[in-house]
């Protein structure tokens, strides 16, 4: 049985916690069972949350699945950003 490569990261900001799983894919993003656009209707929050993917130059190469808890939208976007960054470092330590 072959294992699908996946990388995990936990991000925190204020009282928000994000548990993130990155898998190689086409860039689909699911947060608590909803798309990124549904979960964060404001473009500014979507931009904050996905910044690590843009900075690392891997936007569109990983699928992101996340569970967010606690806090408000801004804290959750920051926690998601932190979790994605940690998962990317697990995927490629050279990004540190």
N, C-alpha and C. Protein backbone atom coordinates (compact mmCIF):
# COMPACT_ATOMS: atom_id res chain seq x y z
N UNK A 1 0.85 -1.17 0.00
CA UNK A 1 0.00 0.00 0.00
C UNK A 1 0.90 1.24 0.00
N UNK A 2 0.68 2.12 -0.97
CA UNK A 2 1.51 3.32 -1.04
C UNK A 2 0.89 4.44 -0.22
N UNK A 3 1.74 5.19 0.43
CA UNK A 3 1.29 6.31 1.25
C UNK A 3 1.28 7.57 0.42
N UNK A 4 0.23 8.38 0.55
CA UNK A 4 0.20 9.69 -0.07
C UNK A 4 1.04 10.62 0.79
N UNK A 5 1.94 11.36 0.15
CA UNK A 5 2.78 12.30 0.90
C UNK A 5 1.90 13.39 1.49
N UNK A 6 2.04 13.60 2.77
CA UNK A 6 1.31 14.69 3.42
C UNK A 6 2.16 15.26 4.53
N UNK A 7 1.99 16.56 4.74
CA UNK A 7 2.78 17.28 5.72
C UNK A 7 1.85 18.02 6.65
N UNK A 8 2.14 17.94 7.94
CA UNK A 8 1.25 18.54 8.94
C UNK A 8 1.94 19.71 9.63
N UNK A 9 1.11 20.67 10.03
CA UNK A 9 1.61 21.81 10.79
C UNK A 9 0.50 22.36 11.66
N UNK A 10 0.84 22.80 12.85
CA UNK A 10 -0.13 23.42 13.75
C UNK A 10 0.27 24.87 13.93
N UNK A 11 -0.68 25.76 13.71
CA UNK A 11 -0.41 27.18 13.86
C UNK A 11 -1.31 27.78 14.93
N UNK A 12 -0.79 28.77 15.63
CA UNK A 12 -1.56 29.44 16.67
C UNK A 12 -1.39 30.94 16.57
N UNK A 13 -2.46 31.66 16.87
CA UNK A 13 -2.40 33.11 17.00
C UNK A 13 -3.53 33.52 17.94
N UNK A 14 -3.20 34.30 18.94
CA UNK A 14 -4.15 34.69 19.97
C UNK A 14 -4.83 33.44 20.51
N UNK A 15 -6.15 33.32 20.37
CA UNK A 15 -6.84 32.12 20.88
C UNK A 15 -7.23 31.17 19.76
N UNK A 16 -6.74 31.41 18.55
CA UNK A 16 -7.08 30.58 17.40
C UNK A 16 -6.03 29.49 17.21
N UNK A 17 -6.50 28.31 16.78
CA UNK A 17 -5.62 27.18 16.50
C UNK A 17 -5.99 26.62 15.13
N UNK A 18 -4.98 26.37 14.30
CA UNK A 18 -5.18 25.79 12.98
C UNK A 18 -4.37 24.51 12.87
N UNK A 19 -5.03 23.43 12.51
CA UNK A 19 -4.35 22.17 12.24
C UNK A 19 -4.38 21.99 10.72
N UNK A 20 -3.21 21.97 10.10
CA UNK A 20 -3.10 22.03 8.65
C UNK A 20 -2.48 20.75 8.11
N UNK A 21 -3.01 20.27 6.98
CA UNK A 21 -2.43 19.15 6.25
C UNK A 21 -2.19 19.64 4.81
N UNK A 22 -0.95 19.53 4.36
CA UNK A 22 -0.60 19.85 2.97
C UNK A 22 -0.36 18.55 2.23
N UNK A 23 -0.95 18.45 1.03
CA UNK A 23 -0.72 17.30 0.16
C UNK A 23 -0.40 17.82 -1.23
N UNK A 24 0.49 17.15 -1.95
CA UNK A 24 0.71 17.55 -3.34
C UNK A 24 -0.61 17.49 -4.10
N UNK A 25 -0.88 18.54 -4.87
CA UNK A 25 -2.15 18.59 -5.60
C UNK A 25 -2.22 19.79 -6.51
N UNK A 26 -3.44 20.26 -6.75
CA UNK A 26 -3.66 21.34 -7.71
C UNK A 26 -3.99 22.67 -7.05
N UNK A 27 -3.85 22.78 -5.74
CA UNK A 27 -4.06 24.05 -5.06
C UNK A 27 -5.42 24.22 -4.41
N UNK A 28 -6.19 23.15 -4.28
CA UNK A 28 -7.50 23.23 -3.62
C UNK A 28 -7.31 23.51 -2.13
N UNK A 29 -8.19 24.33 -1.56
CA UNK A 29 -8.10 24.68 -0.15
C UNK A 29 -9.43 24.44 0.52
N UNK A 30 -9.43 23.65 1.59
CA UNK A 30 -10.65 23.36 2.35
C UNK A 30 -10.41 23.69 3.81
N UNK A 31 -11.29 24.51 4.37
CA UNK A 31 -11.20 24.89 5.77
C UNK A 31 -12.51 24.54 6.45
N UNK A 32 -12.46 23.66 7.42
CA UNK A 32 -13.66 23.21 8.13
C UNK A 32 -14.75 22.78 7.15
N UNK A 33 -14.35 22.11 6.07
CA UNK A 33 -15.31 21.60 5.10
C UNK A 33 -15.82 22.62 4.10
N UNK A 34 -15.26 23.84 4.11
CA UNK A 34 -15.68 24.87 3.15
C UNK A 34 -14.46 25.36 2.37
N UNK A 35 -14.71 25.97 1.24
CA UNK A 35 -13.61 26.50 0.44
C UNK A 35 -13.03 27.74 1.12
N UNK A 36 -11.85 28.12 0.70
CA UNK A 36 -11.19 29.31 1.26
C UNK A 36 -12.06 30.55 1.06
N UNK A 37 -12.67 30.69 -0.12
CA UNK A 37 -13.49 31.86 -0.43
C UNK A 37 -14.75 31.90 0.43
N UNK A 38 -15.32 30.74 0.73
CA UNK A 38 -16.51 30.69 1.58
C UNK A 38 -16.15 31.00 3.04
N UNK A 39 -15.00 30.50 3.48
CA UNK A 39 -14.63 30.66 4.89
C UNK A 39 -14.13 32.07 5.19
N UNK A 40 -13.32 32.61 4.28
CA UNK A 40 -12.82 33.98 4.43
C UNK A 40 -13.32 34.81 3.25
N UNK A 41 -14.49 35.44 3.38
CA UNK A 41 -15.03 36.21 2.26
C UNK A 41 -14.18 37.43 1.91
N UNK A 42 -13.43 37.98 2.85
CA UNK A 42 -12.60 39.16 2.59
C UNK A 42 -11.27 38.76 1.95
N UNK A 43 -10.93 39.42 0.86
CA UNK A 43 -9.70 39.14 0.13
C UNK A 43 -8.47 39.34 1.01
N UNK A 44 -8.50 40.33 1.89
CA UNK A 44 -7.34 40.60 2.76
C UNK A 44 -7.02 39.40 3.64
N UNK A 45 -8.05 38.76 4.20
CA UNK A 45 -7.82 37.60 5.06
C UNK A 45 -7.32 36.41 4.26
N UNK A 46 -7.85 36.23 3.03
CA UNK A 46 -7.36 35.14 2.18
C UNK A 46 -5.90 35.35 1.83
N UNK A 47 -5.52 36.61 1.59
CA UNK A 47 -4.15 36.93 1.24
C UNK A 47 -3.21 36.65 2.41
N UNK A 48 -3.62 37.03 3.62
CA UNK A 48 -2.82 36.77 4.83
C UNK A 48 -2.64 35.27 5.02
N UNK A 49 -3.73 34.52 4.87
CA UNK A 49 -3.70 33.09 5.16
C UNK A 49 -2.81 32.31 4.18
N UNK A 50 -2.78 32.72 2.91
CA UNK A 50 -2.03 31.96 1.91
C UNK A 50 -0.66 32.55 1.59
N UNK A 51 -0.23 33.56 2.33
CA UNK A 51 1.05 34.21 2.08
C UNK A 51 2.24 33.24 2.05
N UNK A 52 2.34 32.26 2.96
CA UNK A 52 3.51 31.36 2.92
C UNK A 52 3.63 30.60 1.60
N UNK A 53 2.50 30.25 0.99
CA UNK A 53 2.55 29.54 -0.28
C UNK A 53 3.13 30.43 -1.38
N UNK A 54 2.73 31.71 -1.39
CA UNK A 54 3.26 32.65 -2.39
C UNK A 54 4.74 32.91 -2.17
N UNK A 55 5.13 33.13 -0.92
CA UNK A 55 6.52 33.43 -0.61
C UNK A 55 7.43 32.26 -0.98
N UNK A 56 6.99 31.05 -0.72
CA UNK A 56 7.78 29.86 -1.03
C UNK A 56 7.75 29.51 -2.52
N UNK A 57 6.83 30.13 -3.27
CA UNK A 57 6.73 29.85 -4.70
C UNK A 57 6.09 28.52 -5.02
N UNK A 58 5.23 28.03 -4.14
CA UNK A 58 4.59 26.73 -4.36
C UNK A 58 3.07 26.85 -4.48
N UNK A 59 2.59 28.05 -4.74
CA UNK A 59 1.15 28.27 -4.87
C UNK A 59 0.62 27.42 -6.03
N UNK A 60 -0.44 26.66 -5.77
CA UNK A 60 -1.01 25.80 -6.79
C UNK A 60 -0.39 24.42 -6.87
N UNK A 61 0.61 24.13 -6.04
CA UNK A 61 1.25 22.81 -6.06
C UNK A 61 0.84 21.94 -4.87
N UNK A 62 0.18 22.53 -3.88
CA UNK A 62 -0.25 21.78 -2.70
C UNK A 62 -1.73 22.02 -2.45
N UNK A 63 -2.43 20.96 -2.05
CA UNK A 63 -3.79 21.09 -1.54
C UNK A 63 -3.68 21.34 -0.04
N UNK A 64 -4.51 22.24 0.46
CA UNK A 64 -4.48 22.60 1.88
C UNK A 64 -5.80 22.18 2.52
N UNK A 65 -5.71 21.42 3.58
CA UNK A 65 -6.89 21.07 4.38
C UNK A 65 -6.60 21.53 5.80
N UNK A 66 -7.55 22.24 6.39
CA UNK A 66 -7.31 22.79 7.72
C UNK A 66 -8.55 22.73 8.59
N UNK A 67 -8.31 22.57 9.88
CA UNK A 67 -9.37 22.67 10.90
C UNK A 67 -9.02 23.88 11.75
N UNK A 68 -9.92 24.85 11.79
CA UNK A 68 -9.69 26.06 12.58
C UNK A 68 -10.63 26.09 13.76
N UNK A 69 -10.12 26.55 14.89
CA UNK A 69 -10.93 26.66 16.10
C UNK A 69 -10.57 27.94 16.82
N UNK A 70 -11.55 28.52 17.48
CA UNK A 70 -11.35 29.63 18.40
C UNK A 70 -11.07 30.95 17.71
N UNK A 71 -11.25 32.03 18.47
CA UNK A 71 -10.93 33.36 18.00
C UNK A 71 -11.85 33.88 16.92
N UNK A 72 -11.44 34.97 16.31
CA UNK A 72 -12.19 35.60 15.24
C UNK A 72 -11.52 35.39 13.90
N UNK A 73 -12.06 36.00 12.85
CA UNK A 73 -11.53 35.78 11.50
C UNK A 73 -10.05 36.18 11.35
N UNK A 74 -9.65 37.29 11.92
CA UNK A 74 -8.26 37.73 11.77
C UNK A 74 -7.30 36.79 12.48
N UNK A 75 -7.64 36.37 13.68
CA UNK A 75 -6.80 35.42 14.41
C UNK A 75 -6.74 34.08 13.71
N UNK A 76 -7.86 33.64 13.15
CA UNK A 76 -7.87 32.37 12.43
C UNK A 76 -7.03 32.44 11.17
N UNK A 77 -7.08 33.56 10.46
CA UNK A 77 -6.25 33.71 9.26
C UNK A 77 -4.77 33.67 9.64
N UNK A 78 -4.40 34.31 10.74
CA UNK A 78 -3.02 34.29 11.20
C UNK A 78 -2.58 32.90 11.64
N UNK A 79 -3.47 32.18 12.30
CA UNK A 79 -3.16 30.81 12.73
C UNK A 79 -2.99 29.90 11.51
N UNK A 80 -3.85 30.08 10.51
CA UNK A 80 -3.74 29.28 9.28
C UNK A 80 -2.41 29.57 8.59
N UNK A 81 -2.02 30.82 8.54
CA UNK A 81 -0.74 31.21 7.95
C UNK A 81 0.41 30.51 8.67
N UNK A 82 0.38 30.52 9.99
CA UNK A 82 1.42 29.88 10.80
C UNK A 82 1.46 28.37 10.55
N UNK A 83 0.29 27.73 10.50
CA UNK A 83 0.22 26.29 10.27
C UNK A 83 0.73 25.90 8.88
N UNK A 84 0.38 26.69 7.86
CA UNK A 84 0.85 26.42 6.50
C UNK A 84 2.37 26.56 6.45
N UNK A 85 2.90 27.59 7.10
CA UNK A 85 4.35 27.80 7.10
C UNK A 85 5.07 26.62 7.75
N UNK A 86 4.55 26.14 8.86
CA UNK A 86 5.18 24.99 9.53
C UNK A 86 5.12 23.73 8.68
N UNK A 87 3.99 23.51 8.01
CA UNK A 87 3.85 22.34 7.15
C UNK A 87 4.80 22.44 5.95
N UNK A 88 4.99 23.63 5.40
CA UNK A 88 5.92 23.81 4.28
C UNK A 88 7.35 23.51 4.69
N UNK A 89 7.73 23.92 5.90
CA UNK A 89 9.08 23.63 6.39
C UNK A 89 9.26 22.12 6.58
N UNK A 90 8.21 21.44 6.98
CA UNK A 90 8.29 19.97 7.10
C UNK A 90 8.45 19.34 5.72
N UNK A 91 7.76 19.91 4.72
CA UNK A 91 7.85 19.39 3.35
C UNK A 91 9.23 19.64 2.75
N UNK A 92 9.80 20.83 3.00
CA UNK A 92 11.10 21.19 2.46
C UNK A 92 11.87 22.01 3.49
N UNK A 93 12.76 21.38 4.25
CA UNK A 93 13.51 22.11 5.29
C UNK A 93 14.34 23.27 4.77
N UNK A 94 14.64 23.29 3.47
CA UNK A 94 15.41 24.40 2.90
C UNK A 94 14.62 25.71 2.90
N UNK A 95 13.30 25.66 3.08
CA UNK A 95 12.48 26.87 3.11
C UNK A 95 12.60 27.61 4.42
N UNK A 96 13.20 27.02 5.41
CA UNK A 96 13.32 27.65 6.72
C UNK A 96 14.05 28.97 6.65
